Amino acid sequence: MNAIVSKPWVLARMYEPDVTIVDCRFELGKPEAGKEAYEREHIPGAIYLDLEKDLSSPVREHGGRHPLPDPEELSRTLAKNGITPETRIIAYDDQGGMYASRLWWLLKYLGHGQAFVMNEGFSAWKAAGYPVTADQPIRVPASYSYTLHPELLASMEDVRRAAGRDDAIVIDSRDPRRYQGFDETMDPVAGHVPGAKNKFWKLLLDEHGKRIDVSRLQEHYKAFPRDKEIIVYCGSGVSACPNFIGLKEAGYENVKLYAGSWSDWISYSENPVATGEE
C-alpha cells in the first residue's frame, strides 16, 4: 500500500483534472486557525476541510471528542466540493500528517479508491519553493456514493474484548506520558486501556518531520505479530490514524481504528483504567 506521497509527486499531478487536493490544517484549542491559515495561502487548487466541522460530528455523551462524522453528511460535503468516488484525493496538513490521515481513513471507511497523504506538509512545500496561493477554487458540485467498510472500525466493546485476548493487540498512539497517566492534558481521566501497548505516532517521523520509509516502519512494528488483530487508538481517534496507515504500509492486514478512542473509553465509568508502563 502506498498512502504517503512526496512533494514532487504532488507537484507533478496537482493540475490533473481528476485530482483534488485537500488542506486539513487544524490546531487543537484554536479551531479557526487552520481555516485562517488556508485563507492566507495554500497549495493551488486546494479546498479546505475542517476537523471539527467536516471530519467529525457533534460531541455527545459517548463517541469521544471527535466522533466520526455521519457518512451521509460526509458524502454530501465531498459532493459539494466536486469530489466523486473516482477522484484522486491528496490530503495535507502542517501537523505531521495527523489531520490529513484522519481524512484518509474516513475516505477508506467510505470505500473511496485513491487517497493519499502528502509527506512533510505545507511548510515544507512552501520552503521548497513550490507554488502557493490565496485564491480559492470554484468547485462544481458532484455526486458521491459510498459503501462503508466496517471492518476498519473497532467499537468500545471490541476494545474491551481485545484487551483480554491473546490474538489481539491494542496500540495507544499518544505521547508516552499521557499513555502512562502522568501528564494528561486533554481528557478528565489519565491512563490507558489495560493491556494496551504504546507506540507514539510521532515516532513515524524522522528528525526532519518526514515519514520514515517502509523498512523502518517494519522495524518499528516488529514486536507485533502479523497474524493478530490490531486496534489503534489515541485521545480522540485522530492521531491514531498515522499509526493505522503505518501498520498498513508495513504489511499488517487486520488493522482497525477505535474511533472514539480514550475520550470515549473513559465516558463509560465501568471501564477499567491502567497507568504506568506495560
C-alpha atoms as a PDB file:
ATOM      1  CA  MET A   1       0.000   0.000   0.000  1.00  0.00           C
ATOM      2  CA  ASN A   2       1.327   3.456  -0.891  1.00  0.00           C
ATOM      3  CA  ALA A   3      -0.606   6.078   1.048  1.00  0.00           C
ATOM      4  CA  ILE A   4       2.197   8.581   1.720  1.00  0.00           C
ATOM      5  CA  VAL A   5       3.390  10.549  -1.299  1.00  0.00           C
ATOM      6  CA  SER A   6       6.191  13.076  -1.774  1.00  0.00           C
ATOM      7  CA  LYS A   7       6.005  16.781  -2.565  1.00  0.00           C
ATOM      8  CA  PRO A   8       7.383  16.267  -6.104  1.00  0.00           C
ATOM      9  CA  TRP A   9       4.755  13.548  -6.685  1.00  0.00           C
ATOM     10  CA  VAL A  10       2.039  16.032  -5.758  1.00  0.00           C
ATOM     11  CA  LEU A  11       3.589  18.806  -7.834  1.00  0.00           C
ATOM     12  CA  ALA A  12       3.574  16.572 -10.910  1.00  0.00           C
ATOM     13  CA  ARG A  13      -0.143  15.764 -10.542  1.00  0.00           C
ATOM     14  CA  MET A  14      -1.715  18.803  -8.911  1.00  0.00           C
ATOM     15  CA  TYR A  15      -3.323  20.154 -12.085  1.00  0.00           C
ATOM     16  CA  GLU A  16      -4.660  16.836 -13.396  1.00  0.00           C
ATOM     17  CA  PRO A  17      -8.467  17.035 -13.751  1.00  0.00           C
ATOM     18  CA  ASP A  18      -9.292  14.019 -11.572  1.00  0.00           C
ATOM     19  CA  VAL A  19      -7.143  15.243  -8.641  1.00  0.00           C
ATOM     20  CA  THR A  20      -8.492  17.173  -5.653  1.00  0.00           C
ATOM     21  CA  ILE A  21      -6.063  18.491  -3.048  1.00  0.00           C
ATOM     22  CA  VAL A  22      -7.465  18.933   0.458  1.00  0.00           C
ATOM     23  CA  ASP A  23      -5.956  21.221   3.084  1.00  0.00           C
ATOM     24  CA  CYS A  24      -6.599  19.692   6.528  1.00  0.00           C
ATOM     25  CA  ARG A  25      -4.619  22.072   8.718  1.00  0.00           C
ATOM     26  CA  PHE A  26      -6.033  22.464  12.216  1.00  0.00           C
ATOM     27  CA  GLU A  27      -4.905  23.467  15.709  1.00  0.00           C
ATOM     28  CA  LEU A  28      -6.469  21.985  18.827  1.00  0.00           C
ATOM     29  CA  GLY A  29      -7.628  24.812  21.067  1.00  0.00           C
ATOM     30  CA  LYS A  30      -7.611  27.241  18.139  1.00  0.00           C
ATOM     31  CA  PRO A  31     -10.454  25.926  15.973  1.00  0.00           C
ATOM     32  CA  GLU A  32     -10.287  28.757  13.422  1.00  0.00           C
ATOM     33  CA  ALA A  33      -6.503  28.727  12.963  1.00  0.00           C
ATOM     34  CA  GLY A  34      -6.461  26.094  10.227  1.00  0.00           C
ATOM     35  CA  LYS A  35      -9.075  27.827   8.080  1.00  0.00           C
ATOM     36  CA  GLU A  36      -7.330  31.170   8.581  1.00  0.00           C
ATOM     37  CA  ALA A  37      -4.008  29.654   7.513  1.00  0.00           C
ATOM     38  CA  TYR A  38      -5.713  28.220   4.410  1.00  0.00           C
ATOM     39  CA  GLU A  39      -7.227  31.578   3.538  1.00  0.00           C
ATOM     40  CA  ARG A  40      -3.801  33.256   3.760  1.00  0.00           C
ATOM     41  CA  GLU A  41      -2.104  30.713   1.481  1.00  0.00           C
ATOM     42  CA  HIS A  42      -2.393  27.116   0.399  1.00  0.00           C
ATOM     43  CA  ILE A  43      -1.440  24.754  -2.401  1.00  0.00           C
ATOM     44  CA  PRO A  44      -3.076  25.976  -5.630  1.00  0.00           C
ATOM     45  CA  GLY A  45      -6.451  24.356  -6.246  1.00  0.00           C
ATOM     46  CA  ALA A  46      -6.757  23.021  -2.689  1.00  0.00           C
ATOM     47  CA  ILE A  47     -10.073  23.037  -0.865  1.00  0.00           C
ATOM     48  CA  TYR A  48     -10.314  23.162   2.930  1.00  0.00           C
ATOM     49  CA  LEU A  49     -11.959  20.588   5.190  1.00  0.00           C
ATOM     50  CA  ASP A  50     -12.181  21.307   8.910  1.00  0.00           C
ATOM     51  CA  LEU A  51     -11.505  18.602  11.500  1.00  0.00           C
ATOM     52  CA  GLU A  52     -14.421  19.569  13.747  1.00  0.00           C
ATOM     53  CA  LYS A  53     -16.924  20.917  11.203  1.00  0.00           C
ATOM     54  CA  ASP A  54     -16.381  18.459   8.338  1.00  0.00           C
ATOM     55  CA  LEU A  55     -14.435  15.437   9.608  1.00  0.00           C
ATOM     56  CA  SER A  56     -16.248  14.967  12.938  1.00  0.00           C
ATOM     57  CA  SER A  57     -19.803  15.007  14.224  1.00  0.00           C
ATOM     58  CA  PRO A  58     -21.016  16.967  17.278  1.00  0.00           C
ATOM     59  CA  VAL A  59     -19.765  15.765  20.657  1.00  0.00           C
ATOM     60  CA  ARG A  60     -22.220  13.694  22.676  1.00  0.00           C
ATOM     61  CA  GLU A  61     -22.108  11.663  25.889  1.00  0.00           C
ATOM     62  CA  HIS A  62     -20.220   8.874  24.125  1.00  0.00           C
ATOM     63  CA  GLY A  63     -18.147   8.772  20.972  1.00  0.00           C
ATOM     64  CA  GLY A  64     -15.173  10.800  22.142  1.00  0.00           C
ATOM     65  CA  ARG A  65     -14.000  14.351  21.493  1.00  0.00           C
ATOM     66  CA  HIS A  66     -14.066  13.941  17.703  1.00  0.00           C
ATOM     67  CA  PRO A  67     -16.847  11.471  16.899  1.00  0.00           C
ATOM     68  CA  LEU A  68     -16.917  10.077  13.384  1.00  0.00           C
ATOM     69  CA  PRO A  69     -18.966  12.208  11.004  1.00  0.00           C
ATOM     70  CA  ASP A  70     -22.249  10.826   9.769  1.00  0.00           C
ATOM     71  CA  PRO A  71     -21.414   9.085   6.451  1.00  0.00           C
ATOM     72  CA  GLU A  72     -24.307  10.800   4.694  1.00  0.00           C
ATOM     73  CA  GLU A  73     -23.137  14.207   5.892  1.00  0.00           C
ATOM     74  CA  LEU A  74     -19.561  13.480   4.869  1.00  0.00           C
ATOM     75  CA  SER A  75     -20.623  12.242   1.442  1.00  0.00           C
ATOM     76  CA  ARG A  76     -22.611  15.453   0.943  1.00  0.00           C
ATOM     77  CA  THR A  77     -19.576  17.514   1.932  1.00  0.00           C
ATOM     78  CA  LEU A  78     -17.429  15.662  -0.573  1.00  0.00           C
ATOM     79  CA  ALA A  79     -20.043  16.005  -3.313  1.00  0.00           C
ATOM     80  CA  LYS A  80     -20.472  19.738  -2.622  1.00  0.00           C
ATOM     81  CA  ASN A  81     -16.755  20.112  -3.250  1.00  0.00           C
ATOM     82  CA  GLY A  82     -16.905  18.337  -6.583  1.00  0.00           C
ATOM     83  CA  ILE A  83     -15.480  15.061  -5.322  1.00  0.00           C
ATOM     84  CA  THR A  84     -16.687  11.743  -6.753  1.00  0.00           C
ATOM     85  CA  PRO A  85     -15.643   8.192  -5.821  1.00  0.00           C
ATOM     86  CA  GLU A  86     -13.249   8.310  -8.791  1.00  0.00           C
ATOM     87  CA  THR A  87     -11.458  11.463  -7.625  1.00  0.00           C
ATOM     88  CA  ARG A  88      -7.837  11.066  -6.583  1.00  0.00           C
ATOM     89  CA  ILE A  89      -7.598  12.896  -3.271  1.00  0.00           C
ATOM     90  CA  ILE A  90      -4.334  14.241  -1.864  1.00  0.00           C
ATOM     91  CA  ALA A  91      -4.577  15.488   1.726  1.00  0.00           C
ATOM     92  CA  TYR A  92      -2.037  17.569   3.593  1.00  0.00           C
ATOM     93  CA  ASP A  93      -1.703  19.476   6.845  1.00  0.00           C
ATOM     94  CA  ASP A  94       1.141  21.085   8.789  1.00  0.00           C
ATOM     95  CA  GLN A  95       0.993  18.811  11.824  1.00  0.00           C
ATOM     96  CA  GLY A  96       2.961  15.757  10.734  1.00  0.00           C
ATOM     97  CA  GLY A  97       0.108  14.323   8.700  1.00  0.00           C
ATOM     98  CA  MET A  98      -2.162  13.715  11.692  1.00  0.00           C
ATOM     99  CA  TYR A  99      -5.248  15.519  10.367  1.00  0.00           C
ATOM    100  CA  ALA A 100      -4.657  14.543   6.748  1.00  0.00           C
ATOM    101  CA  SER A 101      -4.509  10.918   7.899  1.00  0.00           C
ATOM    102  CA  ARG A 102      -7.906  11.318   9.552  1.00  0.00           C
ATOM    103  CA  LEU A 103      -9.384  12.294   6.167  1.00  0.00           C
ATOM    104  CA  TRP A 104      -7.536   9.406   4.503  1.00  0.00           C
ATOM    105  CA  TRP A 105      -9.009   6.925   6.994  1.00  0.00           C
ATOM    106  CA  LEU A 106     -12.522   8.345   6.580  1.00  0.00           C
ATOM    107  CA  LEU A 107     -12.238   8.020   2.807  1.00  0.00           C
ATOM    108  CA  LYS A 108     -11.172   4.388   3.120  1.00  0.00           C
ATOM    109  CA  TYR A 109     -14.062   3.794   5.531  1.00  0.00           C
ATOM    110  CA  LEU A 110     -16.373   5.112   2.785  1.00  0.00           C
ATOM    111  CA  GLY A 111     -14.729   2.786   0.275  1.00  0.00           C
ATOM    112  CA  HIS A 112     -13.001   5.570  -1.649  1.00  0.00           C
ATOM    113  CA  GLY A 113     -10.483   4.333  -4.185  1.00  0.00           C
ATOM    114  CA  GLN A 114      -7.424   6.549  -4.434  1.00  0.00           C
ATOM    115  CA  ALA A 115      -6.460   8.702  -1.466  1.00  0.00           C
ATOM    116  CA  PHE A 116      -3.032   9.920  -0.381  1.00  0.00           C
ATOM    117  CA  VAL A 117      -1.322  11.949   2.329  1.00  0.00           C
ATOM    118  CA  MET A 118       1.441  14.347   1.303  1.00  0.00           C
ATOM    119  CA  ASN A 119       4.652  13.805   3.230  1.00  0.00           C
ATOM    120  CA  GLU A 120       6.099  16.646   5.341  1.00  0.00           C
ATOM    121  CA  GLY A 121       3.201  19.105   4.962  1.00  0.00           C
ATOM    122  CA  PHE A 122       2.549  22.655   3.856  1.00  0.00           C
ATOM    123  CA  SER A 123       5.513  24.451   5.449  1.00  0.00           C
ATOM    124  CA  ALA A 124       7.949  22.045   3.765  1.00  0.00           C
ATOM    125  CA  TRP A 125       6.093  22.530   0.475  1.00  0.00           C
ATOM    126  CA  LYS A 126       6.436  26.298   0.734  1.00  0.00           C
ATOM    127  CA  ALA A 127      10.058  26.144   1.926  1.00  0.00           C
ATOM    128  CA  ALA A 128      10.908  24.069  -1.151  1.00  0.00           C
ATOM    129  CA  GLY A 129       9.754  26.938  -3.350  1.00  0.00           C
ATOM    130  CA  TYR A 130       6.659  25.159  -4.623  1.00  0.00           C
ATOM    131  CA  PRO A 131       3.664  27.316  -5.614  1.00  0.00           C
ATOM    132  CA  VAL A 132       1.199  28.707  -3.058  1.00  0.00           C
ATOM    133  CA  THR A 133      -1.811  30.956  -3.466  1.00  0.00           C
ATOM    134  CA  ALA A 134      -4.627  32.646  -1.581  1.00  0.00           C
ATOM    135  CA  ASP A 135      -7.083  32.053  -4.435  1.00  0.00           C
ATOM    136  CA  GLN A 136      -9.907  29.674  -3.563  1.00  0.00           C
ATOM    137  CA  PRO A 137     -11.090  27.347  -6.308  1.00  0.00           C
ATOM    138  CA  ILE A 138     -14.626  27.268  -7.662  1.00  0.00           C
ATOM    139  CA  ARG A 139     -15.922  23.723  -7.350  1.00  0.00           C
ATOM    140  CA  VAL A 140     -18.764  22.281  -9.383  1.00  0.00           C
ATOM    141  CA  PRO A 141     -20.935  20.040  -7.147  1.00  0.00           C
ATOM    142  CA  ALA A 142     -20.867  16.349  -7.990  1.00  0.00           C
ATOM    143  CA  SER A 143     -22.474  13.129  -6.804  1.00  0.00           C
ATOM    144  CA  TYR A 144     -20.842  10.898  -4.208  1.00  0.00           C
ATOM    145  CA  SER A 145     -21.916   7.336  -3.423  1.00  0.00           C
ATOM    146  CA  TYR A 146     -20.197   5.120  -0.872  1.00  0.00           C
ATOM    147  CA  THR A 147     -20.058   1.635   0.609  1.00  0.00           C
ATOM    148  CA  LEU A 148     -18.994   1.542   4.246  1.00  0.00           C
ATOM    149  CA  HIS A 149     -16.164  -0.754   5.333  1.00  0.00           C
ATOM    150  CA  PRO A 150     -16.990  -1.597   8.961  1.00  0.00           C
ATOM    151  CA  GLU A 151     -14.020  -3.994   9.115  1.00  0.00           C
ATOM    152  CA  LEU A 152     -11.790  -0.901   9.508  1.00  0.00           C
ATOM    153  CA  LEU A 153     -13.606   0.249  12.645  1.00  0.00           C
ATOM    154  CA  ALA A 154     -13.484  -1.040  16.229  1.00  0.00           C
ATOM    155  CA  SER A 155     -16.152  -0.270  18.801  1.00  0.00           C
ATOM    156  CA  MET A 156     -15.631   0.225  22.516  1.00  0.00           C
ATOM    157  CA  GLU A 157     -16.940  -3.332  23.039  1.00  0.00           C
ATOM    158  CA  ASP A 158     -14.382  -4.616  20.516  1.00  0.00           C
ATOM    159  CA  VAL A 159     -11.617  -2.959  22.524  1.00  0.00           C
ATOM    160  CA  ARG A 160     -12.935  -4.450  25.765  1.00  0.00           C
ATOM    161  CA  ARG A 161     -12.808  -7.912  24.220  1.00  0.00           C
ATOM    162  CA  ALA A 162      -9.432  -7.383  22.548  1.00  0.00           C
ATOM    163  CA  ALA A 163      -7.805  -6.192  25.765  1.00  0.00           C
ATOM    164  CA  GLY A 164      -8.313  -9.622  27.282  1.00  0.00           C
ATOM    165  CA  ARG A 165      -7.409 -11.786  24.279  1.00  0.00           C
ATOM    166  CA  ASP A 166      -4.100 -13.270  23.176  1.00  0.00           C
ATOM    167  CA  ASP A 167      -4.957 -12.997  19.484  1.00  0.00           C
ATOM    168  CA  ALA A 168      -5.398  -9.210  19.517  1.00  0.00           C
ATOM    169  CA  ILE A 169      -3.179  -6.195  20.185  1.00  0.00           C
ATOM    170  CA  VAL A 170      -4.348  -2.745  21.303  1.00  0.00           C
ATOM    171  CA  ILE A 171      -1.989   0.134  20.470  1.00  0.00           C
ATOM    172  CA  ASP A 172      -2.137   3.530  22.182  1.00  0.00           C
ATOM    173  CA  SER A 173      -0.788   6.240  19.841  1.00  0.00           C
ATOM    174  CA  ARG A 174      -0.435   9.050  22.382  1.00  0.00           C
ATOM    175  CA  ASP A 175       2.658  10.605  23.909  1.00  0.00           C
ATOM    176  CA  PRO A 176       4.218   8.176  26.453  1.00  0.00           C
ATOM    177  CA  ARG A 177       3.480  10.438  29.418  1.00  0.00           C
ATOM    178  CA  ARG A 178      -0.201  10.604  28.540  1.00  0.00           C
ATOM    179  CA  TYR A 179      -0.256   6.838  27.985  1.00  0.00           C
ATOM    180  CA  GLN A 180       1.340   6.280  31.392  1.00  0.00           C
ATOM    181  CA  GLY A 181      -1.113   8.666  33.060  1.00  0.00           C
ATOM    182  CA  PHE A 182       1.495  11.206  34.186  1.00  0.00           C
ATOM    183  CA  ASP A 183       0.654  14.209  32.017  1.00  0.00           C
ATOM    184  CA  GLU A 184      -2.939  14.204  30.806  1.00  0.00           C
ATOM    185  CA  THR A 185      -3.632  17.487  29.032  1.00  0.00           C
ATOM    186  CA  MET A 186      -6.822  16.758  27.082  1.00  0.00           C
ATOM    187  CA  ASP A 187      -9.104  14.379  28.962  1.00  0.00           C
ATOM    188  CA  PRO A 188     -10.529  14.282  32.513  1.00  0.00           C
ATOM    189  CA  VAL A 189      -9.111  10.824  33.321  1.00  0.00           C
ATOM    190  CA  ALA A 190      -5.453   9.850  32.908  1.00  0.00           C
ATOM    191  CA  GLY A 191      -4.114   6.451  31.895  1.00  0.00           C
ATOM    192  CA  HIS A 192      -4.708   3.901  29.153  1.00  0.00           C
ATOM    193  CA  VAL A 193      -6.745   0.863  28.206  1.00  0.00           C
ATOM    194  CA  PRO A 194      -5.407  -2.063  30.274  1.00  0.00           C
ATOM    195  CA  GLY A 195      -3.053  -4.185  28.194  1.00  0.00           C
ATOM    196  CA  ALA A 196      -2.529  -1.539  25.507  1.00  0.00           C
ATOM    197  CA  LYS A 197       0.975  -1.050  24.126  1.00  0.00           C
ATOM    198  CA  ASN A 198       2.345   2.428  23.471  1.00  0.00           C
ATOM    199  CA  LYS A 199       3.537   3.485  20.009  1.00  0.00           C
ATOM    200  CA  PHE A 200       3.627   7.284  19.896  1.00  0.00           C
ATOM    201  CA  TRP A 201       2.546   8.323  16.421  1.00  0.00           C
ATOM    202  CA  LYS A 202       5.266  10.975  16.069  1.00  0.00           C
ATOM    203  CA  LEU A 203       7.879   8.203  16.071  1.00  0.00           C
ATOM    204  CA  LEU A 204       6.768   7.646  12.467  1.00  0.00           C
ATOM    205  CA  LEU A 205       8.542  10.911  11.585  1.00  0.00           C
ATOM    206  CA  ASP A 206      12.289  11.415  11.302  1.00  0.00           C
ATOM    207  CA  GLU A 207      14.212  14.367  12.705  1.00  0.00           C
ATOM    208  CA  HIS A 208      13.167  16.482   9.713  1.00  0.00           C
ATOM    209  CA  GLY A 209       9.453  15.719  10.055  1.00  0.00           C
ATOM    210  CA  LYS A 210       9.496  13.324   7.116  1.00  0.00           C
ATOM    211  CA  ARG A 211       7.717   9.982   7.240  1.00  0.00           C
ATOM    212  CA  ILE A 212      10.090   7.042   7.743  1.00  0.00           C
ATOM    213  CA  ASP A 213      10.299   4.510   4.903  1.00  0.00           C
ATOM    214  CA  VAL A 214       8.737   1.045   4.772  1.00  0.00           C
ATOM    215  CA  SER A 215      11.810  -0.818   6.032  1.00  0.00           C
ATOM    216  CA  ARG A 216      11.955   1.419   9.116  1.00  0.00           C
ATOM    217  CA  LEU A 217       8.190   1.046   9.586  1.00  0.00           C
ATOM    218  CA  GLN A 218       8.578  -2.723   9.617  1.00  0.00           C
ATOM    219  CA  GLU A 219      11.350  -2.428  12.194  1.00  0.00           C
ATOM    220  CA  HIS A 220       9.216  -0.022  14.253  1.00  0.00           C
ATOM    221  CA  TYR A 221       6.337  -2.503  14.488  1.00  0.00           C
ATOM    222  CA  LYS A 222       8.352  -5.743  14.556  1.00  0.00           C
ATOM    223  CA  ALA A 223       7.220  -6.648  18.104  1.00  0.00           C
ATOM    224  CA  PHE A 224       3.662  -7.089  16.837  1.00  0.00           C
ATOM    225  CA  PRO A 225       2.856 -10.421  15.135  1.00  0.00           C
ATOM    226  CA  ARG A 226       1.236 -10.012  11.732  1.00  0.00           C
ATOM    227  CA  ASP A 227      -1.396 -12.684  12.324  1.00  0.00           C
ATOM    228  CA  LYS A 228      -3.101 -10.808  15.178  1.00  0.00           C
ATOM    229  CA  GLU A 229      -5.904  -8.295  15.050  1.00  0.00           C
ATOM    230  CA  ILE A 230      -4.576  -4.834  15.835  1.00  0.00           C
ATOM    231  CA  ILE A 231      -6.699  -1.977  17.167  1.00  0.00           C
ATOM    232  CA  VAL A 232      -5.181   1.508  17.278  1.00  0.00           C
ATOM    233  CA  TYR A 233      -6.471   4.379  19.387  1.00  0.00           C
ATOM    234  CA  CYS A 234      -5.334   7.763  20.701  1.00  0.00           C
ATOM    235  CA  GLY A 235      -7.134  10.559  22.541  1.00  0.00           C
ATOM    236  CA  SER A 236      -9.989  11.142  20.118  1.00  0.00           C
ATOM    237  CA  GLY A 237      -9.401   8.985  17.033  1.00  0.00           C
ATOM    238  CA  VAL A 238      -7.216  11.443  15.102  1.00  0.00           C
ATOM    239  CA  SER A 239      -3.545  10.822  15.902  1.00  0.00           C
ATOM    240  CA  ALA A 240      -4.119   7.057  15.772  1.00  0.00           C
ATOM    241  CA  CYS A 241      -4.712   7.370  12.011  1.00  0.00           C
ATOM    242  CA  PRO A 242      -0.988   7.768  11.175  1.00  0.00           C
ATOM    243  CA  ASN A 243      -0.357   4.505  13.036  1.00  0.00           C
ATOM    244  CA  PHE A 244      -3.206   2.887  11.093  1.00  0.00           C
ATOM    245  CA  ILE A 245      -1.542   3.923   7.824  1.00  0.00           C
ATOM    246  CA  GLY A 246       1.909   2.960   9.102  1.00  0.00           C
ATOM    247  CA  LEU A 247       0.799  -0.541  10.032  1.00  0.00           C
ATOM    248  CA  LYS A 248      -0.896  -0.964   6.658  1.00  0.00           C
ATOM    249  CA  GLU A 249       2.210   0.217   4.819  1.00  0.00           C
ATOM    250  CA  ALA A 250       4.318  -2.163   6.922  1.00  0.00           C
ATOM    251  CA  GLY A 251       2.197  -5.064   5.670  1.00  0.00           C
ATOM    252  CA  TYR A 252      -0.290  -5.597   8.501  1.00  0.00           C
ATOM    253  CA  GLU A 253      -3.711  -6.510   7.167  1.00  0.00           C
ATOM    254  CA  ASN A 254      -6.096  -6.809  10.126  1.00  0.00           C
ATOM    255  CA  VAL A 255      -5.917  -3.254  11.485  1.00  0.00           C
ATOM    256  CA  LYS A 256      -8.830  -1.317  12.985  1.00  0.00           C
ATOM    257  CA  LEU A 257      -9.329   2.169  14.389  1.00  0.00           C
ATOM    258  CA  TYR A 258     -11.092   2.704  17.696  1.00  0.00           C
ATOM    259  CA  ALA A 259     -12.587   5.967  16.538  1.00  0.00           C
ATOM    260  CA  GLY A 260     -13.850   7.161  19.915  1.00  0.00           C
ATOM    261  CA  SER A 261     -10.501   6.306  21.486  1.00  0.00           C
ATOM    262  CA  TRP A 262      -9.519   7.235  25.049  1.00  0.00           C
ATOM    263  CA  SER A 263     -12.065  10.053  25.351  1.00  0.00           C
ATOM    264  CA  ASP A 264     -14.820   7.560  24.528  1.00  0.00           C
ATOM    265  CA  TRP A 265     -13.381   4.785  26.732  1.00  0.00           C
ATOM    266  CA  ILE A 266     -13.477   6.943  29.854  1.00  0.00           C
ATOM    267  CA  SER A 267     -17.036   8.089  29.126  1.00  0.00           C
ATOM    268  CA  TYR A 268     -18.103   4.651  30.413  1.00  0.00           C
ATOM    269  CA  SER A 269     -17.477   4.730  34.160  1.00  0.00           C
ATOM    270  CA  GLU A 270     -17.299   0.951  34.347  1.00  0.00           C
ATOM    271  CA  ASN A 271     -14.294   0.703  32.020  1.00  0.00           C
ATOM    272  CA  PRO A 272     -11.007  -0.078  33.787  1.00  0.00           C
ATOM    273  CA  VAL A 273      -8.058   2.291  33.580  1.00  0.00           C
ATOM    274  CA  ALA A 274      -4.368   1.371  33.752  1.00  0.00           C
ATOM    275  CA  THR A 275      -1.357   3.605  34.430  1.00  0.00           C
ATOM    276  CA  GLY A 276       2.392   3.216  34.094  1.00  0.00           C
ATOM    277  CA  GLU A 277       4.216   1.121  31.530  1.00  0.00           C
ATOM    278  CA  GLU A 278       3.036  -2.193  30.105  1.00  0.00           C
END
